[in-house]
Amino acid sequence: MKDAGDALYRAAQECCHQHERIGALIKLGADDQEFAAAWEMADLAESQLVARTGAYEEIAAAGRGAESEDWWHRANAMWMACREYARRYAASSDAATRRKRHTAAEFSEIAVEYELEVSARMAVKQAIKHYGAA
């Protein structure tokens, strides 16, 4: 079970790293090709995070008691943060890609979904720190 928790931890770290990289590229004014490649990497990291979240969930359902109580709480906090982030990421992506043209109300919805996604990513970063502190 610890292997699944550690894999989730690494996937979460990579996912956050890729999004930080995109932010850095925006600040640098990277060209479109580099920016597109960075988004591909971020999408790959997102899919890995979703896969690791599901794998941890399956293993943890049957594995309680196999690890220390402290580890269990840290790993479950990581899992819950990652699960919520994956849900928020999917919702913001869906809101942004539903149509080619957006009304003002739809732009507001996209902005709200994006803010919720960013908030969920911050929770993942906190869970990463907590999990890695032990």
Foldseek 3Di string as FASTA:
>chain_A
DVVLLVQLLVLLVQLLVLVVVLVVCVVVVPDPVVNVVSVVSNVVSLVSNVVSLVVCVVCVVPDPPVDDPLLVVLSVLLSVLSVQLSVLVVQLVCLVPVDPDDDPVSVVVNVVSVVSNVVSSVSNVVSSCSNVVD
